[in-house]
């Protein structure tokens, strides 16, 4: 859980608080905190209250976007910080097209993971 900088805040189109995510997933807030702690989600502090927020693109209805957890693991294994991972996920990639986060939400996770693996080379 990190502080958000203006560049990343501008890249991410929408954010959700942990209680919002808990309601969407039908779980307790403590479970969402556990997902963050386990690295399945990235949460950052933002806004006046410095409350924890997760990019809305990481949630698909009542579940975490398919392929997100594996992609985050690959990026961390490549040495990415949470901030760098967010920047990579929300920066447009003409070869996808769109952003890696959009590709994940459109069930194109294999393409995203391939690009994440290539970053380590």
PDB file of N, CA and C in Angstrom:
ATOM      1  N   UNK A   1       0.849  -1.170   0.000  1.00  0.00           N
ATOM      2  CA  UNK A   1       0.000   0.000   0.000  1.00  0.00           C
ATOM      3  C   UNK A   1       0.893   1.230   0.000  1.00  0.00           C
ATOM      4  N   UNK A   2       0.751   2.000  -1.037  1.00  0.00           N
ATOM      5  CA  UNK A   2       1.652   3.123  -1.216  1.00  0.00           C
ATOM      6  C   UNK A   2       0.866   4.408  -1.459  1.00  0.00           C
ATOM      7  N   UNK A   3       1.581   5.515  -1.345  1.00  0.00           N
ATOM      8  CA  UNK A   3       0.999   6.807  -1.690  1.00  0.00           C
ATOM      9  C   UNK A   3       0.960   6.914  -3.208  1.00  0.00           C
ATOM     10  N   UNK A   4      -0.043   7.554  -3.709  1.00  0.00           N
ATOM     11  CA  UNK A   4      -0.209   7.696  -5.153  1.00  0.00           C
ATOM     12  C   UNK A   4       0.441   9.003  -5.614  1.00  0.00           C
ATOM     13  N   UNK A   5       1.049   8.981  -6.788  1.00  0.00           N
ATOM     14  CA  UNK A   5       1.570  10.239  -7.320  1.00  0.00           C
ATOM     15  C   UNK A   5       0.637  10.725  -8.425  1.00  0.00           C
ATOM     16  N   UNK A   6       0.774  11.970  -8.796  1.00  0.00           N
ATOM     17  CA  UNK A   6      -0.154  12.611  -9.731  1.00  0.00           C
ATOM     18  C   UNK A   6      -0.162  11.923 -11.096  1.00  0.00           C
ATOM     19  N   UNK A   7       0.997  11.452 -11.544  1.00  0.00           N
ATOM     20  CA  UNK A   7       1.083  10.818 -12.867  1.00  0.00           C
ATOM     21  C   UNK A   7       0.225   9.557 -12.910  1.00  0.00           C
ATOM     22  N   UNK A   8       0.356   8.709 -11.908  1.00  0.00           N
ATOM     23  CA  UNK A   8      -0.412   7.467 -11.875  1.00  0.00           C
ATOM     24  C   UNK A   8      -1.889   7.770 -11.633  1.00  0.00           C
ATOM     25  N   UNK A   9      -2.170   8.720 -10.773  1.00  0.00           N
ATOM     26  CA  UNK A   9      -3.561   9.093 -10.502  1.00  0.00           C
ATOM     27  C   UNK A   9      -4.244   9.538 -11.791  1.00  0.00           C
ATOM     28  N   UNK A  10      -3.508  10.228 -12.658  1.00  0.00           N
ATOM     29  CA  UNK A  10      -4.068  10.690 -13.932  1.00  0.00           C
ATOM     30  C   UNK A  10      -4.250   9.529 -14.923  1.00  0.00           C
ATOM     31  N   UNK A  11      -3.401   8.510 -14.842  1.00  0.00           N
ATOM     32  CA  UNK A  11      -3.508   7.366 -15.758  1.00  0.00           C
ATOM     33  C   UNK A  11      -4.714   6.477 -15.466  1.00  0.00           C
ATOM     34  N   UNK A  12      -5.026   6.306 -14.188  1.00  0.00           N
ATOM     35  CA  UNK A  12      -6.102   5.400 -13.781  1.00  0.00           C
ATOM     36  C   UNK A  12      -7.425   6.154 -13.859  1.00  0.00           C
ATOM     37  N   UNK A  13      -8.353   5.690 -14.716  1.00  0.00           N
ATOM     38  CA  UNK A  13      -9.584   6.452 -14.920  1.00  0.00           C
ATOM     39  C   UNK A  13     -10.563   6.446 -13.738  1.00  0.00           C
ATOM     40  N   UNK A  14     -10.600   5.386 -12.956  1.00  0.00           N
ATOM     41  CA  UNK A  14     -11.569   5.305 -11.855  1.00  0.00           C
ATOM     42  C   UNK A  14     -10.999   4.451 -10.731  1.00  0.00           C
ATOM     43  N   UNK A  15     -11.401   4.817  -9.508  1.00  0.00           N
ATOM     44  CA  UNK A  15     -10.912   4.136  -8.310  1.00  0.00           C
ATOM     45  C   UNK A  15     -12.082   3.656  -7.470  1.00  0.00           C
ATOM     46  N   UNK A  16     -11.859   2.616  -6.678  1.00  0.00           N
ATOM     47  CA  UNK A  16     -12.846   2.101  -5.729  1.00  0.00           C
ATOM     48  C   UNK A  16     -12.203   2.014  -4.349  1.00  0.00           C
ATOM     49  N   UNK A  17     -12.985   2.293  -3.320  1.00  0.00           N
ATOM     50  CA  UNK A  17     -12.490   2.113  -1.957  1.00  0.00           C
ATOM     51  C   UNK A  17     -12.611   0.632  -1.582  1.00  0.00           C
ATOM     52  N   UNK A  18     -11.912   0.243  -0.534  1.00  0.00           N
ATOM     53  CA  UNK A  18     -11.983  -1.158  -0.096  1.00  0.00           C
ATOM     54  C   UNK A  18     -13.402  -1.559   0.313  1.00  0.00           C
ATOM     55  N   UNK A  19     -14.148  -0.704   1.031  1.00  0.00           N
ATOM     56  CA  UNK A  19     -15.531  -1.091   1.346  1.00  0.00           C
ATOM     57  C   UNK A  19     -16.400  -1.282   0.091  1.00  0.00           C
ATOM     58  N   UNK A  20     -16.173  -0.450  -0.938  1.00  0.00           N
ATOM     59  CA  UNK A  20     -16.916  -0.617  -2.195  1.00  0.00           C
ATOM     60  C   UNK A  20     -16.616  -1.967  -2.828  1.00  0.00           C
ATOM     61  N   UNK A  21     -15.339  -2.336  -2.835  1.00  0.00           N
ATOM     62  CA  UNK A  21     -14.936  -3.612  -3.422  1.00  0.00           C
ATOM     63  C   UNK A  21     -15.518  -4.768  -2.612  1.00  0.00           C
ATOM     64  N   UNK A  22     -15.476  -4.654  -1.295  1.00  0.00           N
ATOM     65  CA  UNK A  22     -16.031  -5.701  -0.438  1.00  0.00           C
ATOM     66  C   UNK A  22     -17.502  -5.930  -0.767  1.00  0.00           C
ATOM     67  N   UNK A  23     -18.236  -4.838  -0.941  1.00  0.00           N
ATOM     68  CA  UNK A  23     -19.657  -4.959  -1.278  1.00  0.00           C
ATOM     69  C   UNK A  23     -19.847  -5.621  -2.637  1.00  0.00           C
ATOM     70  N   UNK A  24     -19.047  -5.226  -3.625  1.00  0.00           N
ATOM     71  CA  UNK A  24     -19.156  -5.802  -4.968  1.00  0.00           C
ATOM     72  C   UNK A  24     -18.840  -7.300  -4.971  1.00  0.00           C
ATOM     73  N   UNK A  25     -17.810  -7.680  -4.195  1.00  0.00           N
ATOM     74  CA  UNK A  25     -17.385  -9.083  -4.166  1.00  0.00           C
ATOM     75  C   UNK A  25     -18.220  -9.919  -3.201  1.00  0.00           C
ATOM     76  N   UNK A  26     -19.006  -9.244  -2.354  1.00  0.00           N
ATOM     77  CA  UNK A  26     -19.817  -9.957  -1.376  1.00  0.00           C
ATOM     78  C   UNK A  26     -18.988 -10.558  -0.252  1.00  0.00           C
ATOM     79  N   UNK A  27     -17.933  -9.830   0.147  1.00  0.00           N
ATOM     80  CA  UNK A  27     -17.053 -10.300   1.223  1.00  0.00           C
ATOM     81  C   UNK A  27     -16.865  -9.173   2.239  1.00  0.00           C
ATOM     82  N   UNK A  28     -16.219  -9.491   3.346  1.00  0.00           N
ATOM     83  CA  UNK A  28     -15.884  -8.488   4.358  1.00  0.00           C
ATOM     84  C   UNK A  28     -14.696  -7.654   3.881  1.00  0.00           C
ATOM     85  N   UNK A  29     -14.596  -6.441   4.404  1.00  0.00           N
ATOM     86  CA  UNK A  29     -13.470  -5.563   4.063  1.00  0.00           C
ATOM     87  C   UNK A  29     -12.147  -6.226   4.427  1.00  0.00           C
ATOM     88  N   UNK A  30     -12.130  -6.993   5.496  1.00  0.00           N
ATOM     89  CA  UNK A  30     -10.888  -7.663   5.898  1.00  0.00           C
ATOM     90  C   UNK A  30     -10.409  -8.628   4.816  1.00  0.00           C
ATOM     91  N   UNK A  31     -11.332  -9.224   4.077  1.00  0.00           N
ATOM     92  CA  UNK A  31     -10.946 -10.127   2.981  1.00  0.00           C
ATOM     93  C   UNK A  31     -10.299  -9.333   1.843  1.00  0.00           C
ATOM     94  N   UNK A  32     -10.825  -8.142   1.567  1.00  0.00           N
ATOM     95  CA  UNK A  32     -10.233  -7.297   0.524  1.00  0.00           C
ATOM     96  C   UNK A  32      -8.833  -6.869   0.957  1.00  0.00           C
ATOM     97  N   UNK A  33      -8.684  -6.508   2.240  1.00  0.00           N
ATOM     98  CA  UNK A  33      -7.350  -6.165   2.753  1.00  0.00           C
ATOM     99  C   UNK A  33      -6.385  -7.337   2.589  1.00  0.00           C
ATOM    100  N   UNK A  34      -6.886  -8.550   2.801  1.00  0.00           N
ATOM    101  CA  UNK A  34      -6.063  -9.743   2.639  1.00  0.00           C
ATOM    102  C   UNK A  34      -5.647  -9.917   1.176  1.00  0.00           C
ATOM    103  N   UNK A  35      -6.551  -9.642   0.233  1.00  0.00           N
ATOM    104  CA  UNK A  35      -6.219  -9.720  -1.195  1.00  0.00           C
ATOM    105  C   UNK A  35      -5.097  -8.744  -1.532  1.00  0.00           C
ATOM    106  N   UNK A  36      -5.141  -7.560  -0.921  1.00  0.00           N
ATOM    107  CA  UNK A  36      -4.080  -6.570  -1.129  1.00  0.00           C
ATOM    108  C   UNK A  36      -2.771  -7.080  -0.529  1.00  0.00           C
ATOM    109  N   UNK A  37      -2.854  -7.584   0.694  1.00  0.00           N
ATOM    110  CA  UNK A  37      -1.659  -8.088   1.385  1.00  0.00           C
ATOM    111  C   UNK A  37      -1.021  -9.245   0.620  1.00  0.00           C
ATOM    112  N   UNK A  38      -1.848 -10.114   0.030  1.00  0.00           N
ATOM    113  CA  UNK A  38      -1.359 -11.263  -0.728  1.00  0.00           C
ATOM    114  C   UNK A  38      -0.835 -10.875  -2.112  1.00  0.00           C
ATOM    115  N   UNK A  39      -1.045  -9.619  -2.516  1.00  0.00           N
ATOM    116  CA  UNK A  39      -0.558  -9.170  -3.815  1.00  0.00           C
ATOM    117  C   UNK A  39      -1.503  -9.444  -4.963  1.00  0.00           C
ATOM    118  N   UNK A  40      -2.744  -9.813  -4.667  1.00  0.00           N
ATOM    119  CA  UNK A  40      -3.713 -10.067  -5.730  1.00  0.00           C
ATOM    120  C   UNK A  40      -4.363  -8.778  -6.228  1.00  0.00           C
ATOM    121  N   UNK A  41      -4.249  -7.724  -5.435  1.00  0.00           N
ATOM    122  CA  UNK A  41      -4.710  -6.384  -5.797  1.00  0.00           C
ATOM    123  C   UNK A  41      -3.649  -5.384  -5.367  1.00  0.00           C
ATOM    124  N   UNK A  42      -3.654  -4.219  -5.998  1.00  0.00           N
ATOM    125  CA  UNK A  42      -2.794  -3.116  -5.575  1.00  0.00           C
ATOM    126  C   UNK A  42      -3.695  -2.024  -5.012  1.00  0.00           C
ATOM    127  N   UNK A  43      -3.401  -1.583  -3.812  1.00  0.00           N
ATOM    128  CA  UNK A  43      -4.134  -0.485  -3.195  1.00  0.00           C
ATOM    129  C   UNK A  43      -3.171   0.657  -2.922  1.00  0.00           C
ATOM    130  N   UNK A  44      -3.650   1.874  -3.144  1.00  0.00           N
ATOM    131  CA  UNK A  44      -2.848   3.064  -2.892  1.00  0.00           C
ATOM    132  C   UNK A  44      -3.655   4.049  -2.059  1.00  0.00           C
ATOM    133  N   UNK A  45      -2.954   4.900  -1.349  1.00  0.00           N
ATOM    134  CA  UNK A  45      -3.617   5.939  -0.564  1.00  0.00           C
ATOM    135  C   UNK A  45      -3.788   7.172  -1.442  1.00  0.00           C
ATOM    136  N   UNK A  46      -5.016   7.687  -1.458  1.00  0.00           N
ATOM    137  CA  UNK A  46      -5.301   8.878  -2.269  1.00  0.00           C
ATOM    138  C   UNK A  46      -6.492   9.610  -1.695  1.00  0.00           C
ATOM    139  N   UNK A  47      -6.696  10.827  -2.172  1.00  0.00           N
ATOM    140  CA  UNK A  47      -7.823  11.638  -1.728  1.00  0.00           C
ATOM    141  C   UNK A  47      -7.532  12.373  -0.434  1.00  0.00           C
ATOM    142  N   UNK A  48      -8.505  13.165  -0.013  1.00  0.00           N
ATOM    143  CA  UNK A  48      -8.347  13.973   1.196  1.00  0.00           C
ATOM    144  C   UNK A  48      -8.068  13.131   2.431  1.00  0.00           C
ATOM    145  N   UNK A  49      -8.758  12.023   2.564  1.00  0.00           N
ATOM    146  CA  UNK A  49      -8.621  11.179   3.756  1.00  0.00           C
ATOM    147  C   UNK A  49      -7.464  10.204   3.666  1.00  0.00           C
ATOM    148  N   UNK A  50      -6.787  10.164   2.513  1.00  0.00           N
ATOM    149  CA  UNK A  50      -5.701   9.201   2.272  1.00  0.00           C
ATOM    150  C   UNK A  50      -6.213   7.774   2.446  1.00  0.00           C
ATOM    151  N   UNK A  51      -7.463   7.556   2.058  1.00  0.00           N
ATOM    152  CA  UNK A  51      -8.063   6.225   2.152  1.00  0.00           C
ATOM    153  C   UNK A  51      -7.474   5.320   1.078  1.00  0.00           C
ATOM    154  N   UNK A  52      -7.500   4.025   1.327  1.00  0.00           N
ATOM    155  CA  UNK A  52      -6.997   3.062   0.357  1.00  0.00           C
ATOM    156  C   UNK A  52      -7.974   2.918  -0.805  1.00  0.00           C
ATOM    157  N   UNK A  53      -7.420   2.955  -2.008  1.00  0.00           N
ATOM    158  CA  UNK A  53      -8.206   2.808  -3.230  1.00  0.00           C
ATOM    159  C   UNK A  53      -7.536   1.789  -4.146  1.00  0.00           C
ATOM    160  N   UNK A  54      -8.364   1.105  -4.907  1.00  0.00           N
ATOM    161  CA  UNK A  54      -7.915   0.128  -5.902  1.00  0.00           C
ATOM    162  C   UNK A  54      -8.476   0.574  -7.250  1.00  0.00           C
ATOM    163  N   UNK A  55      -7.712   0.452  -8.337  1.00  0.00           N
ATOM    164  CA  UNK A  55      -8.274   0.807  -9.638  1.00  0.00           C
ATOM    165  C   UNK A  55      -9.555   0.009  -9.915  1.00  0.00           C
ATOM    166  N   UNK A  56     -10.591   0.708 -10.359  1.00  0.00           N
ATOM    167  CA  UNK A  56     -11.875   0.060 -10.651  1.00  0.00           C
ATOM    168  C   UNK A  56     -11.721  -1.001 -11.739  1.00  0.00           C
ATOM    169  N   UNK A  57     -10.753  -0.825 -12.621  1.00  0.00           N
ATOM    170  CA  UNK A  57     -10.532  -1.777 -13.710  1.00  0.00           C
ATOM    171  C   UNK A  57     -10.126  -3.162 -13.207  1.00  0.00           C
ATOM    172  N   UNK A  58      -9.720  -3.264 -11.943  1.00  0.00           N
ATOM    173  CA  UNK A  58      -9.299  -4.550 -11.382  1.00  0.00           C
ATOM    174  C   UNK A  58     -10.473  -5.406 -10.926  1.00  0.00           C
ATOM    175  N   UNK A  59     -11.677  -4.833 -10.912  1.00  0.00           N
ATOM    176  CA  UNK A  59     -12.854  -5.562 -10.454  1.00  0.00           C
ATOM    177  C   UNK A  59     -13.820  -5.709 -11.622  1.00  0.00           C
ATOM    178  N   UNK A  60     -14.277  -6.929 -11.833  1.00  0.00           N
ATOM    179  CA  UNK A  60     -15.219  -7.231 -12.908  1.00  0.00           C
ATOM    180  C   UNK A  60     -16.494  -7.786 -12.285  1.00  0.00           C
ATOM    181  N   UNK A  61     -17.443  -6.904 -12.044  1.00  0.00           N
ATOM    182  CA  UNK A  61     -18.699  -7.328 -11.432  1.00  0.00           C
ATOM    183  C   UNK A  61     -18.496  -7.785 -10.003  1.00  0.00           C
ATOM    184  N   UNK A  62     -18.559  -9.107  -9.807  1.00  0.00           N
ATOM    185  CA  UNK A  62     -18.428  -9.656  -8.456  1.00  0.00           C
ATOM    186  C   UNK A  62     -17.156 -10.465  -8.268  1.00  0.00           C
ATOM    187  N   UNK A  63     -16.123 -10.155  -9.096  1.00  0.00           N
ATOM    188  CA  UNK A  63     -14.853 -10.877  -8.953  1.00  0.00           C
ATOM    189  C   UNK A  63     -13.688  -9.997  -9.395  1.00  0.00           C
ATOM    190  N   UNK A  64     -12.496 -10.425  -8.992  1.00  0.00           N
ATOM    191  CA  UNK A  64     -11.274  -9.760  -9.438  1.00  0.00           C
ATOM    192  C   UNK A  64     -11.055 -10.164 -10.898  1.00  0.00           C
ATOM    193  N   UNK A  65     -10.597  -9.233 -11.721  1.00  0.00           N
ATOM    194  CA  UNK A  65     -10.381  -9.491 -13.137  1.00  0.00           C
ATOM    195  C   UNK A  65      -9.470 -10.706 -13.324  1.00  0.00           C
ATOM    196  N   UNK A  66      -9.902 -11.599 -14.197  1.00  0.00           N
ATOM    197  CA  UNK A  66      -9.145 -12.813 -14.491  1.00  0.00           C
ATOM    198  C   UNK A  66      -7.760 -12.448 -15.031  1.00  0.00           C
ATOM    199  N   UNK A  67      -6.744 -13.087 -14.498  1.00  0.00           N
ATOM    200  CA  UNK A  67      -5.376 -12.877 -14.964  1.00  0.00           C
ATOM    201  C   UNK A  67      -4.626 -11.767 -14.253  1.00  0.00           C
ATOM    202  N   UNK A  68      -5.333 -10.967 -13.448  1.00  0.00           N
ATOM    203  CA  UNK A  68      -4.663  -9.852 -12.776  1.00  0.00           C
ATOM    204  C   UNK A  68      -3.619 -10.334 -11.789  1.00  0.00           C
ATOM    205  N   UNK A  69      -3.982 -11.283 -10.956  1.00  0.00           N
ATOM    206  CA  UNK A  69      -3.068 -11.769  -9.923  1.00  0.00           C
ATOM    207  C   UNK A  69      -1.772 -12.299 -10.529  1.00  0.00           C
ATOM    208  N   UNK A  70      -1.891 -13.110 -11.568  1.00  0.00           N
ATOM    209  CA  UNK A  70      -0.701 -13.658 -12.231  1.00  0.00           C
ATOM    210  C   UNK A  70       0.151 -12.580 -12.866  1.00  0.00           C
ATOM    211  N   UNK A  71      -0.503 -11.587 -13.458  1.00  0.00           N
ATOM    212  CA  UNK A  71       0.232 -10.476 -14.070  1.00  0.00           C
ATOM    213  C   UNK A  71       0.980  -9.676 -13.016  1.00  0.00           C
ATOM    214  N   UNK A  72       0.307  -9.396 -11.887  1.00  0.00           N
ATOM    215  CA  UNK A  72       0.979  -8.667 -10.806  1.00  0.00           C
ATOM    216  C   UNK A  72       2.174  -9.454 -10.277  1.00  0.00           C
ATOM    217  N   UNK A  73       2.035 -10.759 -10.173  1.00  0.00           N
ATOM    218  CA  UNK A  73       3.152 -11.596  -9.726  1.00  0.00           C
ATOM    219  C   UNK A  73       4.323 -11.498 -10.704  1.00  0.00           C
ATOM    220  N   UNK A  74       4.036 -11.581 -12.000  1.00  0.00           N
ATOM    221  CA  UNK A  74       5.096 -11.462 -13.010  1.00  0.00           C
ATOM    222  C   UNK A  74       5.804 -10.114 -12.906  1.00  0.00           C
ATOM    223  N   UNK A  75       5.025  -9.050 -12.765  1.00  0.00           N
ATOM    224  CA  UNK A  75       5.633  -7.717 -12.682  1.00  0.00           C
ATOM    225  C   UNK A  75       6.499  -7.584 -11.436  1.00  0.00           C
ATOM    226  N   UNK A  76       6.016  -8.109 -10.318  1.00  0.00           N
ATOM    227  CA  UNK A  76       6.825  -8.046  -9.077  1.00  0.00           C
ATOM    228  C   UNK A  76       8.091  -8.882  -9.233  1.00  0.00           C
ATOM    229  N   UNK A  77       7.969 -10.041  -9.860  1.00  0.00           N
ATOM    230  CA  UNK A  77       9.147 -10.883 -10.102  1.00  0.00           C
ATOM    231  C   UNK A  77      10.153 -10.170 -11.002  1.00  0.00           C
ATOM    232  N   UNK A  78       9.649  -9.284 -11.873  1.00  0.00           N
ATOM    233  CA  UNK A  78      10.516  -8.492 -12.748  1.00  0.00           C
ATOM    234  C   UNK A  78      11.129  -7.302 -12.004  1.00  0.00           C
ATOM    235  N   UNK A  79      10.759  -7.123 -10.718  1.00  0.00           N
ATOM    236  CA  UNK A  79      11.322  -6.041  -9.917  1.00  0.00           C
ATOM    237  C   UNK A  79      10.489  -4.774  -9.900  1.00  0.00           C
ATOM    238  N   UNK A  80       9.267  -4.841 -10.436  1.00  0.00           N
ATOM    239  CA  UNK A  80       8.401  -3.665 -10.449  1.00  0.00           C
ATOM    240  C   UNK A  80       7.878  -3.362  -9.049  1.00  0.00           C
ATOM    241  N   UNK A  81       7.839  -2.084  -8.704  1.00  0.00           N
ATOM    242  CA  UNK A  81       7.145  -1.657  -7.497  1.00  0.00           C
ATOM    243  C   UNK A  81       5.657  -1.582  -7.839  1.00  0.00           C
ATOM    244  N   UNK A  82       4.818  -1.403  -6.828  1.00  0.00           N
ATOM    245  CA  UNK A  82       3.387  -1.251  -7.096  1.00  0.00           C
ATOM    246  C   UNK A  82       3.121  -0.055  -8.000  1.00  0.00           C
ATOM    247  N   UNK A  83       3.838   1.040  -7.783  1.00  0.00           N
ATOM    248  CA  UNK A  83       3.649   2.232  -8.606  1.00  0.00           C
ATOM    249  C   UNK A  83       4.025   1.957 -10.057  1.00  0.00           C
ATOM    250  N   UNK A  84       5.157   1.285 -10.262  1.00  0.00           N
ATOM    251  CA  UNK A  84       5.592   0.961 -11.621  1.00  0.00           C
ATOM    252  C   UNK A  84       4.621  -0.007 -12.285  1.00  0.00           C
ATOM    253  N   UNK A  85       4.089  -0.947 -11.524  1.00  0.00           N
ATOM    254  CA  UNK A  85       3.110  -1.896 -12.072  1.00  0.00           C
ATOM    255  C   UNK A  85       1.844  -1.162 -12.508  1.00  0.00           C
ATOM    256  N   UNK A  86       1.367  -0.246 -11.672  1.00  0.00           N
ATOM    257  CA  UNK A  86       0.180   0.534 -12.048  1.00  0.00           C
ATOM    258  C   UNK A  86       0.447   1.353 -13.304  1.00  0.00           C
ATOM    259  N   UNK A  87       1.610   1.975 -13.355  1.00  0.00           N
ATOM    260  CA  UNK A  87       1.952   2.781 -14.540  1.00  0.00           C
ATOM    261  C   UNK A  87       1.972   1.895 -15.783  1.00  0.00           C
ATOM    262  N   UNK A  88       2.579   0.730 -15.693  1.00  0.00           N
ATOM    263  CA  UNK A  88       2.649  -0.175 -16.843  1.00  0.00           C
ATOM    264  C   UNK A  88       1.249  -0.649 -17.239  1.00  0.00           C
ATOM    265  N   UNK A  89       0.443  -1.025 -16.262  1.00  0.00           N
ATOM    266  CA  UNK A  89      -0.898  -1.549 -16.549  1.00  0.00           C
ATOM    267  C   UNK A  89      -1.828  -0.514 -17.178  1.00  0.00           C
ATOM    268  N   UNK A  90      -1.610   0.768 -16.887  1.00  0.00           N
ATOM    269  CA  UNK A  90      -2.530   1.801 -17.370  1.00  0.00           C
ATOM    270  C   UNK A  90      -1.928   2.718 -18.434  1.00  0.00           C
ATOM    271  N   UNK A  91      -0.752   2.364 -18.948  1.00  0.00           N
ATOM    272  CA  UNK A  91      -0.153   3.126 -20.042  1.00  0.00           C
ATOM    273  C   UNK A  91      -0.520   2.434 -21.353  1.00  0.00           C
ATOM    274  N   UNK A  92      -1.062   3.184 -22.319  1.00  0.00           N
ATOM    275  CA  UNK A  92      -1.454   2.571 -23.597  1.00  0.00           C
ATOM    276  C   UNK A  92      -0.285   1.856 -24.270  1.00  0.00           C
ATOM    277  N   UNK A  93      -0.576   0.692 -24.824  1.00  0.00           N
ATOM    278  CA  UNK A  93       0.393  -0.122 -25.552  1.00  0.00           C
ATOM    279  C   UNK A  93      -0.180  -0.352 -26.947  1.00  0.00           C
ATOM    280  N   UNK A  94       0.399   0.308 -27.958  1.00  0.00           N
ATOM    281  CA  UNK A  94      -0.153   0.198 -29.312  1.00  0.00           C
ATOM    282  C   UNK A  94      -0.182  -1.237 -29.845  1.00  0.00           C
ATOM    283  N   UNK A  95       0.667  -2.105 -29.324  1.00  0.00           N
ATOM    284  CA  UNK A  95       0.696  -3.483 -29.817  1.00  0.00           C
ATOM    285  C   UNK A  95      -0.450  -4.331 -29.259  1.00  0.00           C
ATOM    286  N   UNK A  96      -1.198  -3.828 -28.259  1.00  0.00           N
ATOM    287  CA  UNK A  96      -2.284  -4.636 -27.684  1.00  0.00           C
ATOM    288  C   UNK A  96      -3.590  -4.568 -28.476  1.00  0.00           C
ATOM    289  N   UNK A  97      -4.188  -3.550 -28.869  1.00  0.00           N
ATOM    290  CA  UNK A  97      -4.100  -2.130 -28.525  1.00  0.00           C
ATOM    291  C   UNK A  97      -4.792  -1.833 -27.196  1.00  0.00           C
ATOM    292  N   UNK A  98      -4.631  -0.590 -26.746  1.00  0.00           N
ATOM    293  CA  UNK A  98      -5.192  -0.187 -25.457  1.00  0.00           C
ATOM    294  C   UNK A  98      -4.157  -0.368 -24.364  1.00  0.00           C
ATOM    295  N   UNK A  99      -4.629  -0.403 -23.134  1.00  0.00           N
ATOM    296  CA  UNK A  99      -3.724  -0.599 -22.012  1.00  0.00           C
ATOM    297  C   UNK A  99      -3.742  -2.066 -21.595  1.00  0.00           C
ATOM    298  N   UNK A 100      -2.691  -2.522 -20.914  1.00  0.00           N
ATOM    299  CA  UNK A 100      -2.724  -3.893 -20.394  1.00  0.00           C
ATOM    300  C   UNK A 100      -3.928  -4.136 -19.479  1.00  0.00           C
ATOM    301  N   UNK A 101      -4.328  -3.128 -18.684  1.00  0.00           N
ATOM    302  CA  UNK A 101      -5.491  -3.294 -17.812  1.00  0.00           C
ATOM    303  C   UNK A 101      -6.757  -3.529 -18.629  1.00  0.00           C
ATOM    304  N   UNK A 102      -6.911  -2.809 -19.741  1.00  0.00           N
ATOM    305  CA  UNK A 102      -8.068  -3.022 -20.619  1.00  0.00           C
ATOM    306  C   UNK A 102      -8.030  -4.417 -21.219  1.00  0.00           C
ATOM    307  N   UNK A 103      -6.855  -4.846 -21.646  1.00  0.00           N
ATOM    308  CA  UNK A 103      -6.723  -6.177 -22.247  1.00  0.00           C
ATOM    309  C   UNK A 103      -7.096  -7.267 -21.247  1.00  0.00           C
ATOM    310  N   UNK A 104      -6.679  -7.102 -19.982  1.00  0.00           N
ATOM    311  CA  UNK A 104      -7.050  -8.075 -18.954  1.00  0.00           C
ATOM    312  C   UNK A 104      -8.566  -8.134 -18.793  1.00  0.00           C
ATOM    313  N   UNK A 105      -9.211  -6.969 -18.765  1.00  0.00           N
ATOM    314  CA  UNK A 105     -10.666  -6.941 -18.573  1.00  0.00           C
ATOM    315  C   UNK A 105     -11.405  -7.503 -19.778  1.00  0.00           C
ATOM    316  N   UNK A 106     -10.744  -7.541 -20.928  1.00  0.00           N
ATOM    317  CA  UNK A 106     -11.341  -8.102 -22.143  1.00  0.00           C
ATOM    318  C   UNK A 106     -10.910  -9.552 -22.355  1.00  0.00           C
ATOM    319  N   UNK A 107     -10.402 -10.186 -21.296  1.00  0.00           N
ATOM    320  CA  UNK A 107      -9.989 -11.591 -21.320  1.00  0.00           C
ATOM    321  C   UNK A 107      -8.869 -11.857 -22.326  1.00  0.00           C
ATOM    322  N   UNK A 108      -7.945 -10.904 -22.443  1.00  0.00           N
ATOM    323  CA  UNK A 108      -6.769 -11.085 -23.289  1.00  0.00           C
ATOM    324  C   UNK A 108      -5.525 -11.154 -22.406  1.00  0.00           C
ATOM    325  N   UNK A 109      -5.660 -11.884 -21.305  1.00  0.00           N
ATOM    326  CA  UNK A 109      -4.594 -11.981 -20.322  1.00  0.00           C
ATOM    327  C   UNK A 109      -3.327 -12.625 -20.829  1.00  0.00           C
ATOM    328  N   UNK A 110      -3.456 -13.570 -21.750  1.00  0.00           N
ATOM    329  CA  UNK A 110      -2.270 -14.248 -22.284  1.00  0.00           C
ATOM    330  C   UNK A 110      -1.349 -13.241 -22.964  1.00  0.00           C
ATOM    331  N   UNK A 111      -1.931 -12.330 -23.744  1.00  0.00           N
ATOM    332  CA  UNK A 111      -1.127 -11.302 -24.415  1.00  0.00           C
ATOM    333  C   UNK A 111      -0.429 -10.403 -23.387  1.00  0.00           C
ATOM    334  N   UNK A 112      -1.162 -10.043 -22.341  1.00  0.00           N
ATOM    335  CA  UNK A 112      -0.603  -9.164 -21.310  1.00  0.00           C
ATOM    336  C   UNK A 112       0.542  -9.869 -20.586  1.00  0.00           C
ATOM    337  N   UNK A 113       0.333 -11.123 -20.214  1.00  0.00           N
ATOM    338  CA  UNK A 113       1.375 -11.870 -19.501  1.00  0.00           C
ATOM    339  C   UNK A 113       2.616 -12.051 -20.380  1.00  0.00           C
ATOM    340  N   UNK A 114       2.406 -12.252 -21.676  1.00  0.00           N
ATOM    341  CA  UNK A 114       3.547 -12.389 -22.588  1.00  0.00           C
ATOM    342  C   UNK A 114       4.393 -11.124 -22.575  1.00  0.00           C
ATOM    343  N   UNK A 115       3.732  -9.973 -22.591  1.00  0.00           N
ATOM    344  CA  UNK A 115       4.466  -8.705 -22.566  1.00  0.00           C
ATOM    345  C   UNK A 115       5.160  -8.491 -21.216  1.00  0.00           C
ATOM    346  N   UNK A 116       4.476  -8.874 -20.144  1.00  0.00           N
ATOM    347  CA  UNK A 116       5.080  -8.745 -18.816  1.00  0.00           C
ATOM    348  C   UNK A 116       6.319  -9.635 -18.693  1.00  0.00           C
ATOM    349  N   UNK A 117       6.252 -10.840 -19.242  1.00  0.00           N
ATOM    350  CA  UNK A 117       7.410 -11.744 -19.213  1.00  0.00           C
ATOM    351  C   UNK A 117       8.554 -11.180 -20.031  1.00  0.00           C
ATOM    352  N   UNK A 118       8.239 -10.523 -21.141  1.00  0.00           N
ATOM    353  CA  UNK A 118       9.278  -9.956 -22.004  1.00  0.00           C
ATOM    354  C   UNK A 118      10.022  -8.820 -21.318  1.00  0.00           C
ATOM    355  N   UNK A 119       9.398  -8.189 -20.344  1.00  0.00           N
ATOM    356  CA  UNK A 119      10.055  -7.087 -19.619  1.00  0.00           C
ATOM    357  C   UNK A 119      11.284  -7.561 -18.850  1.00  0.00           C
ATOM    358  N   UNK A 120      11.287  -8.827 -18.472  1.00  0.00           N
ATOM    359  CA  UNK A 120      12.393  -9.365 -17.679  1.00  0.00           C
ATOM    360  C   UNK A 120      13.618  -9.657 -18.535  1.00  0.00           C
ATOM    361  N   UNK A 121      13.426  -9.730 -19.842  1.00  0.00           N
ATOM    362  CA  UNK A 121      14.521 -10.090 -20.745  1.00  0.00           C
ATOM    363  C   UNK A 121      15.433  -8.924 -20.996  1.00  0.00           C
TER     364      UNK A 121
END
